[in-house]
Amino acid sequence: MRRLFPVTDETAAPDGRSGTSGGGRGGPGGGGGEDGAGREWSLAELAAAYAYPEAEAEAGSGPGGGREPWLRANMVSTLDGAAQHEGRSQPISCPADMRIFGTLRALADVVLVGAETVRQEGYRPARARAEFAAAREAAGQGPAAAIAVVSASLDLDFSLPLFASPLVPTLILTGSAAPPDRVAAAEAAGARVVTAGEGAGVDPGRAVRALAERGYTRLLTEGGPRLLGQLVAAGVLDELCLTVAPMLTAGDAQRIAGGPAVTLPRRFALKSMLEEDGFLFTRYARP
């Protein structure tokens, strides 16, 4: 993997070399030269590259410690804009993308995901990873990120591991008009139901606030496109981590965000870009 942006002495070297032997800065964790080019970055280096922004934290309780919430999305897209192939994102992913996927989960307090994505992708609970245990403990986080499913109907299979055997309880964000019998079934299965909207739907801003009130301030969403579109339209998305796959699929696959268009396009600023095997791993954040 190599860093393309921000430009450093290593990335800008005409011959692609850093001019150092040993002790070079390499990736964000140091070591390796060539800004990490030609080798697989360690999980610690990826964690440093994707660290959440520093936030002023007031005295408080829970994992967030009074931090302001920061919502990032992690999505993958082909060159022609497809966010999935035959209904799933895995065919357009790669090993490096999956390492980053796992790292982003390990950095997050909670993963926000739409119900349809849970059904299509066969979502499972986030797992504890020994490589991140010390860092999560130091940050006041639990052993793994919680999964928060956004669902109006609660039309979910509560016998699945995501609900039946998570390391930390799964949350369900829904509206006040959610079917009472489905709410009862979810709670009986061990899920924590959070009301985050009037009527049947979920209000994105209210969902973010509800999670922050429970100490979940390092927020990550993995879509799907409909949920991401709602978050974009509501103006609550702070950051997009987008993998651009060097593939073309044609067809009519969804883009990374769907739903109604915003009144004016919202511009984000490029924060970093990595590359491996032709895949680009970008980070954009609101100005």
C-alpha atoms as a PDB file:
ATOM      1  CA  MET A   1       0.000   0.000   0.000  1.00  0.00           C
ATOM      2  CA  ARG A   2       1.146   3.540  -0.658  1.00  0.00           C
ATOM      3  CA  ARG A   3      -0.057   6.987   0.278  1.00  0.00           C
ATOM      4  CA  LEU A   4      -0.926   9.290  -2.614  1.00  0.00           C
ATOM      5  CA  PHE A   5      -2.315  12.188  -0.566  1.00  0.00           C
ATOM      6  CA  PRO A   6      -1.384  14.171   1.464  1.00  0.00           C
ATOM      7  CA  VAL A   7       1.873  14.484  -0.467  1.00  0.00           C
ATOM      8  CA  THR A   8       5.022  13.895   1.579  1.00  0.00           C
ATOM      9  CA  ASP A   9       8.712  13.711   0.717  1.00  0.00           C
ATOM     10  CA  GLU A  10       8.187   9.986   0.145  1.00  0.00           C
ATOM     11  CA  THR A  11       5.136  10.238  -2.097  1.00  0.00           C
ATOM     12  CA  ALA A  12       6.653  13.097  -4.104  1.00  0.00           C
ATOM     13  CA  ALA A  13      10.060  11.474  -4.747  1.00  0.00           C
ATOM     14  CA  PRO A  14      10.600  11.338  -8.554  1.00  0.00           C
ATOM     15  CA  ASP A  15      11.859   7.765  -8.491  1.00  0.00           C
ATOM     16  CA  GLY A  16       9.207   6.598  -6.047  1.00  0.00           C
ATOM     17  CA  ARG A  17      11.781   6.168  -3.295  1.00  0.00           C
ATOM     18  CA  SER A  18      12.121   7.960  -0.004  1.00  0.00           C
ATOM     19  CA  GLY A  19      15.885   8.122  -0.090  1.00  0.00           C
ATOM     20  CA  THR A  20      16.087   6.382   3.280  1.00  0.00           C
ATOM     21  CA  SER A  21      17.152   2.922   4.275  1.00  0.00           C
ATOM     22  CA  GLY A  22      15.587   1.679   7.460  1.00  0.00           C
ATOM     23  CA  GLY A  23      13.974   4.055   9.921  1.00  0.00           C
ATOM     24  CA  GLY A  24      11.968   5.676   7.121  1.00  0.00           C
ATOM     25  CA  ARG A  25       8.580   7.029   8.112  1.00  0.00           C
ATOM     26  CA  GLY A  26       6.759   4.628   5.803  1.00  0.00           C
ATOM     27  CA  GLY A  27       3.074   4.504   6.579  1.00  0.00           C
ATOM     28  CA  PRO A  28       1.511   6.464   9.409  1.00  0.00           C
ATOM     29  CA  GLY A  29       3.009   4.137  11.987  1.00  0.00           C
ATOM     30  CA  GLY A  30       6.565   4.622  10.735  1.00  0.00           C
ATOM     31  CA  GLY A  31       9.101   2.226   9.281  1.00  0.00           C
ATOM     32  CA  GLY A  32       9.390   0.915   5.789  1.00  0.00           C
ATOM     33  CA  GLY A  33      10.214   3.910   3.592  1.00  0.00           C
ATOM     34  CA  GLU A  34       8.411   4.824   0.362  1.00  0.00           C
ATOM     35  CA  ASP A  35       5.477   5.926   2.534  1.00  0.00           C
ATOM     36  CA  GLY A  36       4.499   2.273   2.959  1.00  0.00           C
ATOM     37  CA  ALA A  37       4.610   1.434  -0.758  1.00  0.00           C
ATOM     38  CA  GLY A  38       5.223  -2.161  -1.709  1.00  0.00           C
ATOM     39  CA  ARG A  39       4.109  -3.709   1.552  1.00  0.00           C
ATOM     40  CA  GLU A  40       0.952  -4.424   3.501  1.00  0.00           C
ATOM     41  CA  TRP A  41       0.310  -1.825   6.154  1.00  0.00           C
ATOM     42  CA  SER A  42      -0.107  -3.067   9.697  1.00  0.00           C
ATOM     43  CA  LEU A  43      -3.426  -2.700  11.474  1.00  0.00           C
ATOM     44  CA  ALA A  44      -1.830  -0.100  13.752  1.00  0.00           C
ATOM     45  CA  GLU A  45      -0.826   1.970  10.721  1.00  0.00           C
ATOM     46  CA  LEU A  46      -4.315   1.724   9.248  1.00  0.00           C
ATOM     47  CA  ALA A  47      -5.818   2.713  12.602  1.00  0.00           C
ATOM     48  CA  ALA A  48      -3.577   5.793  12.718  1.00  0.00           C
ATOM     49  CA  ALA A  49      -4.503   6.705   9.139  1.00  0.00           C
ATOM     50  CA  TYR A  50      -8.235   6.435   9.886  1.00  0.00           C
ATOM     51  CA  ALA A  51      -8.317   7.794  13.442  1.00  0.00           C
ATOM     52  CA  TYR A  52     -11.409   9.781  14.345  1.00  0.00           C
ATOM     53  CA  PRO A  53     -10.853  13.535  14.585  1.00  0.00           C
ATOM     54  CA  GLU A  54      -9.889  14.826  17.994  1.00  0.00           C
ATOM     55  CA  ALA A  55     -12.906  16.232  19.778  1.00  0.00           C
ATOM     56  CA  GLU A  56     -13.292  18.418  22.820  1.00  0.00           C
ATOM     57  CA  ALA A  57     -14.588  16.114  25.533  1.00  0.00           C
ATOM     58  CA  GLU A  58     -16.349  17.428  28.575  1.00  0.00           C
ATOM     59  CA  ALA A  59     -16.812  15.421  31.734  1.00  0.00           C
ATOM     60  CA  GLY A  60     -19.379  12.766  31.066  1.00  0.00           C
ATOM     61  CA  SER A  61     -20.180   9.100  31.349  1.00  0.00           C
ATOM     62  CA  GLY A  62     -20.233   6.293  28.851  1.00  0.00           C
ATOM     63  CA  PRO A  63     -17.858   5.466  26.018  1.00  0.00           C
ATOM     64  CA  GLY A  64     -18.150   8.907  24.432  1.00  0.00           C
ATOM     65  CA  GLY A  65     -17.146  10.847  27.527  1.00  0.00           C
ATOM     66  CA  GLY A  66     -19.106  13.910  26.350  1.00  0.00           C
ATOM     67  CA  ARG A  67     -17.590  14.013  22.852  1.00  0.00           C
ATOM     68  CA  GLU A  68     -19.463  15.510  19.949  1.00  0.00           C
ATOM     69  CA  PRO A  69     -20.646  12.730  17.589  1.00  0.00           C
ATOM     70  CA  TRP A  70     -18.776  12.178  14.317  1.00  0.00           C
ATOM     71  CA  LEU A  71     -20.511  10.118  11.652  1.00  0.00           C
ATOM     72  CA  ARG A  72     -18.424   8.531   8.917  1.00  0.00           C
ATOM     73  CA  ALA A  73     -19.566   6.263   6.109  1.00  0.00           C
ATOM     74  CA  ASN A  74     -17.576   3.414   4.597  1.00  0.00           C
ATOM     75  CA  MET A  75     -18.622   2.466   1.076  1.00  0.00           C
ATOM     76  CA  VAL A  76     -17.178   0.891  -2.069  1.00  0.00           C
ATOM     77  CA  SER A  77     -17.920   1.824  -5.676  1.00  0.00           C
ATOM     78  CA  THR A  78     -16.791   0.691  -9.115  1.00  0.00           C
ATOM     79  CA  LEU A  79     -15.420   3.126 -11.690  1.00  0.00           C
ATOM     80  CA  ASP A  80     -18.884   3.378 -13.241  1.00  0.00           C
ATOM     81  CA  GLY A  81     -20.602   4.067  -9.941  1.00  0.00           C
ATOM     82  CA  ALA A  82     -21.979   0.663  -8.904  1.00  0.00           C
ATOM     83  CA  ALA A  83     -22.107   0.149  -5.141  1.00  0.00           C
ATOM     84  CA  GLN A  84     -22.797  -3.576  -5.469  1.00  0.00           C
ATOM     85  CA  HIS A  85     -22.919  -6.449  -7.926  1.00  0.00           C
ATOM     86  CA  GLU A  86     -25.873  -8.802  -7.896  1.00  0.00           C
ATOM     87  CA  GLY A  87     -27.039  -7.211  -4.671  1.00  0.00           C
ATOM     88  CA  ARG A  88     -23.814  -7.535  -2.690  1.00  0.00           C
ATOM     89  CA  SER A  89     -20.708  -5.396  -2.184  1.00  0.00           C
ATOM     90  CA  GLN A  90     -18.253  -8.296  -1.734  1.00  0.00           C
ATOM     91  CA  PRO A  91     -17.660  -8.899  -5.488  1.00  0.00           C
ATOM     92  CA  ILE A  92     -16.275  -5.376  -5.920  1.00  0.00           C
ATOM     93  CA  SER A  93     -14.120  -5.456  -2.785  1.00  0.00           C
ATOM     94  CA  CYS A  94     -10.550  -6.704  -2.226  1.00  0.00           C
ATOM     95  CA  PRO A  95      -8.354  -7.873   0.695  1.00  0.00           C
ATOM     96  CA  ALA A  96      -7.050  -4.353   1.426  1.00  0.00           C
ATOM     97  CA  ASP A  97     -10.610  -3.009   1.407  1.00  0.00           C
ATOM     98  CA  MET A  98     -11.601  -5.680   3.924  1.00  0.00           C
ATOM     99  CA  ARG A  99      -8.637  -4.804   6.177  1.00  0.00           C
ATOM    100  CA  ILE A 100      -9.796  -1.194   6.173  1.00  0.00           C
ATOM    101  CA  PHE A 101     -13.394  -2.339   6.716  1.00  0.00           C
ATOM    102  CA  GLY A 102     -12.295  -4.231   9.833  1.00  0.00           C
ATOM    103  CA  THR A 103     -10.163  -1.341  11.065  1.00  0.00           C
ATOM    104  CA  LEU A 104     -13.002   1.161  10.749  1.00  0.00           C
ATOM    105  CA  ARG A 105     -15.264  -1.160  12.719  1.00  0.00           C
ATOM    106  CA  ALA A 106     -12.581  -1.539  15.384  1.00  0.00           C
ATOM    107  CA  LEU A 107     -12.343   2.252  15.755  1.00  0.00           C
ATOM    108  CA  ALA A 108     -16.102   2.816  16.022  1.00  0.00           C
ATOM    109  CA  ASP A 109     -18.429   2.827  19.016  1.00  0.00           C
ATOM    110  CA  VAL A 110     -21.384   1.788  16.870  1.00  0.00           C
ATOM    111  CA  VAL A 111     -22.076   0.693  13.292  1.00  0.00           C
ATOM    112  CA  LEU A 112     -25.265   2.111  11.792  1.00  0.00           C
ATOM    113  CA  VAL A 113     -26.811  -0.035   9.069  1.00  0.00           C
ATOM    114  CA  GLY A 114     -30.085  -0.267   7.173  1.00  0.00           C
ATOM    115  CA  ALA A 115     -32.406  -3.239   7.591  1.00  0.00           C
ATOM    116  CA  GLU A 116     -32.267  -4.191   3.907  1.00  0.00           C
ATOM    117  CA  THR A 117     -28.482  -4.335   4.037  1.00  0.00           C
ATOM    118  CA  VAL A 118     -28.711  -6.559   7.112  1.00  0.00           C
ATOM    119  CA  ARG A 119     -30.913  -8.933   5.147  1.00  0.00           C
ATOM    120  CA  GLN A 120     -28.931  -8.889   1.883  1.00  0.00           C
ATOM    121  CA  GLU A 121     -25.410  -8.999   3.318  1.00  0.00           C
ATOM    122  CA  GLY A 122     -26.132 -11.507   6.090  1.00  0.00           C
ATOM    123  CA  TYR A 123     -24.893  -9.167   8.809  1.00  0.00           C
ATOM    124  CA  ARG A 124     -23.229 -10.647  11.849  1.00  0.00           C
ATOM    125  CA  PRO A 125     -22.235  -9.010  15.143  1.00  0.00           C
ATOM    126  CA  ALA A 126     -18.957  -7.106  15.309  1.00  0.00           C
ATOM    127  CA  ARG A 127     -16.272  -9.242  16.935  1.00  0.00           C
ATOM    128  CA  ALA A 128     -13.604  -8.378  19.453  1.00  0.00           C
ATOM    129  CA  ARG A 129     -10.120  -8.291  17.976  1.00  0.00           C
ATOM    130  CA  ALA A 130      -7.061  -8.740  20.149  1.00  0.00           C
ATOM    131  CA  GLU A 131      -5.062  -6.297  18.000  1.00  0.00           C
ATOM    132  CA  PHE A 132      -7.374  -3.432  19.013  1.00  0.00           C
ATOM    133  CA  ALA A 133      -8.247  -4.468  22.583  1.00  0.00           C
ATOM    134  CA  ALA A 134      -5.801  -2.154  24.363  1.00  0.00           C
ATOM    135  CA  ALA A 135      -6.657   0.841  22.189  1.00  0.00           C
ATOM    136  CA  ARG A 136     -10.396   0.355  22.696  1.00  0.00           C
ATOM    137  CA  GLU A 137      -9.968   0.028  26.446  1.00  0.00           C
ATOM    138  CA  ALA A 138      -7.833   3.189  26.551  1.00  0.00           C
ATOM    139  CA  ALA A 139     -10.539   5.040  24.579  1.00  0.00           C
ATOM    140  CA  GLY A 140     -13.231   3.918  27.020  1.00  0.00           C
ATOM    141  CA  GLN A 141     -14.849   1.665  24.447  1.00  0.00           C
ATOM    142  CA  GLY A 142     -16.356  -1.775  24.849  1.00  0.00           C
ATOM    143  CA  PRO A 143     -14.748  -4.898  23.382  1.00  0.00           C
ATOM    144  CA  ALA A 144     -16.452  -4.392  19.999  1.00  0.00           C
ATOM    145  CA  ALA A 145     -18.697  -1.925  18.233  1.00  0.00           C
ATOM    146  CA  ALA A 146     -22.426  -2.257  18.711  1.00  0.00           C
ATOM    147  CA  ILE A 147     -24.561  -2.716  15.601  1.00  0.00           C
ATOM    148  CA  ALA A 148     -27.512  -0.332  15.265  1.00  0.00           C
ATOM    149  CA  VAL A 149     -30.098  -1.414  12.683  1.00  0.00           C
ATOM    150  CA  VAL A 150     -32.406   1.224  11.197  1.00  0.00           C
ATOM    151  CA  SER A 151     -35.831  -0.294  10.568  1.00  0.00           C
ATOM    152  CA  ALA A 152     -39.363   1.113  10.431  1.00  0.00           C
ATOM    153  CA  SER A 153     -41.167  -2.235  10.262  1.00  0.00           C
ATOM    154  CA  LEU A 154     -38.752  -4.351  12.352  1.00  0.00           C
ATOM    155  CA  ASP A 155     -39.184  -7.035   9.699  1.00  0.00           C
ATOM    156  CA  LEU A 156     -36.054  -8.836  10.869  1.00  0.00           C
ATOM    157  CA  ASP A 157     -35.117 -12.393  11.756  1.00  0.00           C
ATOM    158  CA  PHE A 158     -34.394 -12.167  15.471  1.00  0.00           C
ATOM    159  CA  SER A 159     -33.004 -15.705  15.549  1.00  0.00           C
ATOM    160  CA  LEU A 160     -29.917 -14.597  13.582  1.00  0.00           C
ATOM    161  CA  PRO A 161     -26.589 -14.243  15.457  1.00  0.00           C
ATOM    162  CA  LEU A 162     -26.777 -10.452  15.086  1.00  0.00           C
ATOM    163  CA  PHE A 163     -29.655 -10.494  17.573  1.00  0.00           C
ATOM    164  CA  ALA A 164     -29.321 -13.861  19.312  1.00  0.00           C
ATOM    165  CA  SER A 165     -25.611 -13.883  20.201  1.00  0.00           C
ATOM    166  CA  PRO A 166     -23.880 -10.501  19.824  1.00  0.00           C
ATOM    167  CA  LEU A 167     -20.876  -9.642  21.979  1.00  0.00           C
ATOM    168  CA  VAL A 168     -22.634  -6.369  22.848  1.00  0.00           C
ATOM    169  CA  PRO A 169     -26.412  -5.936  22.515  1.00  0.00           C
ATOM    170  CA  THR A 170     -27.673  -4.945  19.084  1.00  0.00           C
ATOM    171  CA  LEU A 171     -29.700  -1.753  18.876  1.00  0.00           C
ATOM    172  CA  ILE A 172     -32.700  -1.145  16.624  1.00  0.00           C
ATOM    173  CA  LEU A 173     -33.553   2.432  15.669  1.00  0.00           C
ATOM    174  CA  THR A 174     -37.182   2.847  14.704  1.00  0.00           C
ATOM    175  CA  GLY A 175     -40.099   5.254  14.763  1.00  0.00           C
ATOM    176  CA  SER A 176     -42.727   5.744  17.434  1.00  0.00           C
ATOM    177  CA  ALA A 177     -45.324   3.961  15.256  1.00  0.00           C
ATOM    178  CA  ALA A 178     -43.322   0.730  14.956  1.00  0.00           C
ATOM    179  CA  PRO A 179     -45.524  -2.392  15.276  1.00  0.00           C
ATOM    180  CA  PRO A 180     -45.785  -3.169  19.021  1.00  0.00           C
ATOM    181  CA  ASP A 181     -45.588  -6.920  18.469  1.00  0.00           C
ATOM    182  CA  ARG A 182     -42.316  -6.541  16.532  1.00  0.00           C
ATOM    183  CA  VAL A 183     -40.899  -4.250  19.208  1.00  0.00           C
ATOM    184  CA  ALA A 184     -41.775  -6.869  21.827  1.00  0.00           C
ATOM    185  CA  ALA A 185     -40.181  -9.623  19.719  1.00  0.00           C
ATOM    186  CA  ALA A 186     -37.004  -7.587  19.293  1.00  0.00           C
ATOM    187  CA  GLU A 187     -36.723  -6.900  23.023  1.00  0.00           C
ATOM    188  CA  ALA A 188     -37.445 -10.535  23.844  1.00  0.00           C
ATOM    189  CA  ALA A 189     -34.532 -11.488  21.601  1.00  0.00           C
ATOM    190  CA  GLY A 190     -32.227  -9.170  23.567  1.00  0.00           C
ATOM    191  CA  ALA A 191     -32.120  -6.185  21.196  1.00  0.00           C
ATOM    192  CA  ARG A 192     -32.402  -2.644  22.541  1.00  0.00           C
ATOM    193  CA  VAL A 193     -35.101  -0.698  20.708  1.00  0.00           C
ATOM    194  CA  VAL A 194     -34.505   3.062  20.451  1.00  0.00           C
ATOM    195  CA  THR A 195     -37.233   5.419  19.243  1.00  0.00           C
ATOM    196  CA  ALA A 196     -35.649   7.955  16.889  1.00  0.00           C
ATOM    197  CA  GLY A 197     -38.532   9.371  14.903  1.00  0.00           C
ATOM    198  CA  GLU A 198     -42.214  10.211  14.882  1.00  0.00           C
ATOM    199  CA  GLY A 199     -44.500   7.945  12.920  1.00  0.00           C
ATOM    200  CA  ALA A 200     -43.030   4.965  11.093  1.00  0.00           C
ATOM    201  CA  GLY A 201     -39.738   6.441   9.940  1.00  0.00           C
ATOM    202  CA  VAL A 202     -36.425   7.289  11.597  1.00  0.00           C
ATOM    203  CA  ASP A 203     -35.184  10.875  11.658  1.00  0.00           C
ATOM    204  CA  PRO A 204     -31.414  10.802  10.891  1.00  0.00           C
ATOM    205  CA  GLY A 205     -30.572  13.748  13.122  1.00  0.00           C
ATOM    206  CA  ARG A 206     -32.548  12.320  16.001  1.00  0.00           C
ATOM    207  CA  ALA A 207     -30.878   8.924  15.488  1.00  0.00           C
ATOM    208  CA  VAL A 208     -27.403  10.476  15.766  1.00  0.00           C
ATOM    209  CA  ARG A 209     -28.416  12.368  18.918  1.00  0.00           C
ATOM    210  CA  ALA A 210     -29.986   9.256  20.455  1.00  0.00           C
ATOM    211  CA  LEU A 211     -26.802   7.276  19.916  1.00  0.00           C
ATOM    212  CA  ALA A 212     -24.643  10.089  21.298  1.00  0.00           C
ATOM    213  CA  GLU A 213     -26.826  10.297  24.404  1.00  0.00           C
ATOM    214  CA  ARG A 214     -26.013   6.637  25.007  1.00  0.00           C
ATOM    215  CA  GLY A 215     -22.271   7.299  24.729  1.00  0.00           C
ATOM    216  CA  TYR A 216     -21.875   6.273  21.086  1.00  0.00           C
ATOM    217  CA  THR A 217     -20.068   9.223  19.501  1.00  0.00           C
ATOM    218  CA  ARG A 218     -17.652   7.523  17.090  1.00  0.00           C
ATOM    219  CA  LEU A 219     -20.279   6.558  14.540  1.00  0.00           C
ATOM    220  CA  LEU A 220     -19.808   4.464  11.403  1.00  0.00           C
ATOM    221  CA  THR A 221     -22.377   3.624   8.750  1.00  0.00           C
ATOM    222  CA  GLU A 222     -21.923   0.918   6.138  1.00  0.00           C
ATOM    223  CA  GLY A 223     -25.098   1.797   4.267  1.00  0.00           C
ATOM    224  CA  GLY A 224     -26.853   0.631   2.352  1.00  0.00           C
ATOM    225  CA  PRO A 225     -27.431   3.258  -0.313  1.00  0.00           C
ATOM    226  CA  ARG A 226     -30.916   4.172   0.882  1.00  0.00           C
ATOM    227  CA  LEU A 227     -29.749   4.826   4.440  1.00  0.00           C
ATOM    228  CA  LEU A 228     -26.685   6.748   3.280  1.00  0.00           C
ATOM    229  CA  GLY A 229     -28.887   8.878   1.037  1.00  0.00           C
ATOM    230  CA  GLN A 230     -31.087   9.746   4.017  1.00  0.00           C
ATOM    231  CA  LEU A 231     -28.047  10.704   6.107  1.00  0.00           C
ATOM    232  CA  VAL A 232     -26.686  12.880   3.292  1.00  0.00           C
ATOM    233  CA  ALA A 233     -30.032  14.588   2.735  1.00  0.00           C
ATOM    234  CA  ALA A 234     -30.335  15.313   6.462  1.00  0.00           C
ATOM    235  CA  GLY A 235     -26.869  16.871   6.524  1.00  0.00           C
ATOM    236  CA  VAL A 236     -25.583  14.663   9.353  1.00  0.00           C
ATOM    237  CA  LEU A 237     -22.754  12.895   7.495  1.00  0.00           C
ATOM    238  CA  ASP A 238     -19.321  14.186   8.563  1.00  0.00           C
ATOM    239  CA  GLU A 239     -16.988  11.934   6.577  1.00  0.00           C
ATOM    240  CA  LEU A 240     -16.983   9.490   3.666  1.00  0.00           C
ATOM    241  CA  CYS A 241     -14.410   6.702   3.389  1.00  0.00           C
ATOM    242  CA  LEU A 242     -14.841   5.576  -0.204  1.00  0.00           C
ATOM    243  CA  THR A 243     -13.037   2.687  -1.862  1.00  0.00           C
ATOM    244  CA  VAL A 244     -12.908   3.081  -5.650  1.00  0.00           C
ATOM    245  CA  ALA A 245     -12.616  -0.358  -7.253  1.00  0.00           C
ATOM    246  CA  PRO A 246     -10.848  -0.560 -10.654  1.00  0.00           C
ATOM    247  CA  MET A 247     -13.829  -2.386 -12.128  1.00  0.00           C
ATOM    248  CA  LEU A 248     -16.676  -1.749 -14.563  1.00  0.00           C
ATOM    249  CA  THR A 249     -20.005  -3.514 -14.149  1.00  0.00           C
ATOM    250  CA  ALA A 250     -22.564  -1.609 -16.280  1.00  0.00           C
ATOM    251  CA  GLY A 251     -26.090  -2.735 -15.420  1.00  0.00           C
ATOM    252  CA  ASP A 252     -28.439  -0.869 -13.113  1.00  0.00           C
ATOM    253  CA  ALA A 253     -26.791  -1.365  -9.708  1.00  0.00           C
ATOM    254  CA  GLN A 254     -27.396   1.287  -7.066  1.00  0.00           C
ATOM    255  CA  ARG A 255     -24.941   4.076  -6.406  1.00  0.00           C
ATOM    256  CA  ILE A 256     -23.499   4.439  -2.886  1.00  0.00           C
ATOM    257  CA  ALA A 257     -26.332   6.847  -1.954  1.00  0.00           C
ATOM    258  CA  GLY A 258     -29.922   6.830  -3.134  1.00  0.00           C
ATOM    259  CA  GLY A 259     -33.175   8.626  -2.464  1.00  0.00           C
ATOM    260  CA  PRO A 260     -34.199  12.242  -3.017  1.00  0.00           C
ATOM    261  CA  ALA A 261     -31.546  14.669  -4.250  1.00  0.00           C
ATOM    262  CA  VAL A 262     -30.290  17.470  -2.027  1.00  0.00           C
ATOM    263  CA  THR A 263     -31.197  21.036  -3.017  1.00  0.00           C
ATOM    264  CA  LEU A 264     -27.555  21.953  -3.592  1.00  0.00           C
ATOM    265  CA  PRO A 265     -24.623  19.526  -3.888  1.00  0.00           C
ATOM    266  CA  ARG A 266     -22.591  19.424  -0.679  1.00  0.00           C
ATOM    267  CA  ARG A 267     -18.859  19.681  -1.183  1.00  0.00           C
ATOM    268  CA  PHE A 268     -16.485  17.625   0.955  1.00  0.00           C
ATOM    269  CA  ALA A 269     -12.705  18.068   1.234  1.00  0.00           C
ATOM    270  CA  LEU A 270     -10.212  15.333   0.350  1.00  0.00           C
ATOM    271  CA  LYS A 271      -8.286  14.325   3.481  1.00  0.00           C
ATOM    272  CA  SER A 272      -6.283  11.326   2.339  1.00  0.00           C
ATOM    273  CA  MET A 273      -5.873   8.794  -0.476  1.00  0.00           C
ATOM    274  CA  LEU A 274      -4.169   5.418  -0.349  1.00  0.00           C
ATOM    275  CA  GLU A 275      -3.636   2.922  -3.179  1.00  0.00           C
ATOM    276  CA  GLU A 276      -3.068  -0.803  -3.420  1.00  0.00           C
ATOM    277  CA  ASP A 277      -3.420  -3.087  -6.433  1.00  0.00           C
ATOM    278  CA  GLY A 278      -5.249  -0.371  -8.375  1.00  0.00           C
ATOM    279  CA  PHE A 279      -7.853   0.232  -5.651  1.00  0.00           C
ATOM    280  CA  LEU A 280      -8.073   3.760  -4.259  1.00  0.00           C
ATOM    281  CA  PHE A 281      -8.959   4.288  -0.602  1.00  0.00           C
ATOM    282  CA  THR A 282     -10.141   7.854  -0.100  1.00  0.00           C
ATOM    283  CA  ARG A 283     -11.301   9.932   2.845  1.00  0.00           C
ATOM    284  CA  TYR A 284     -13.458  13.014   2.394  1.00  0.00           C
ATOM    285  CA  ALA A 285     -14.764  15.179   5.239  1.00  0.00           C
ATOM    286  CA  ARG A 286     -17.048  18.165   5.549  1.00  0.00           C
ATOM    287  CA  PRO A 287     -15.076  21.439   5.549  1.00  0.00           C
END
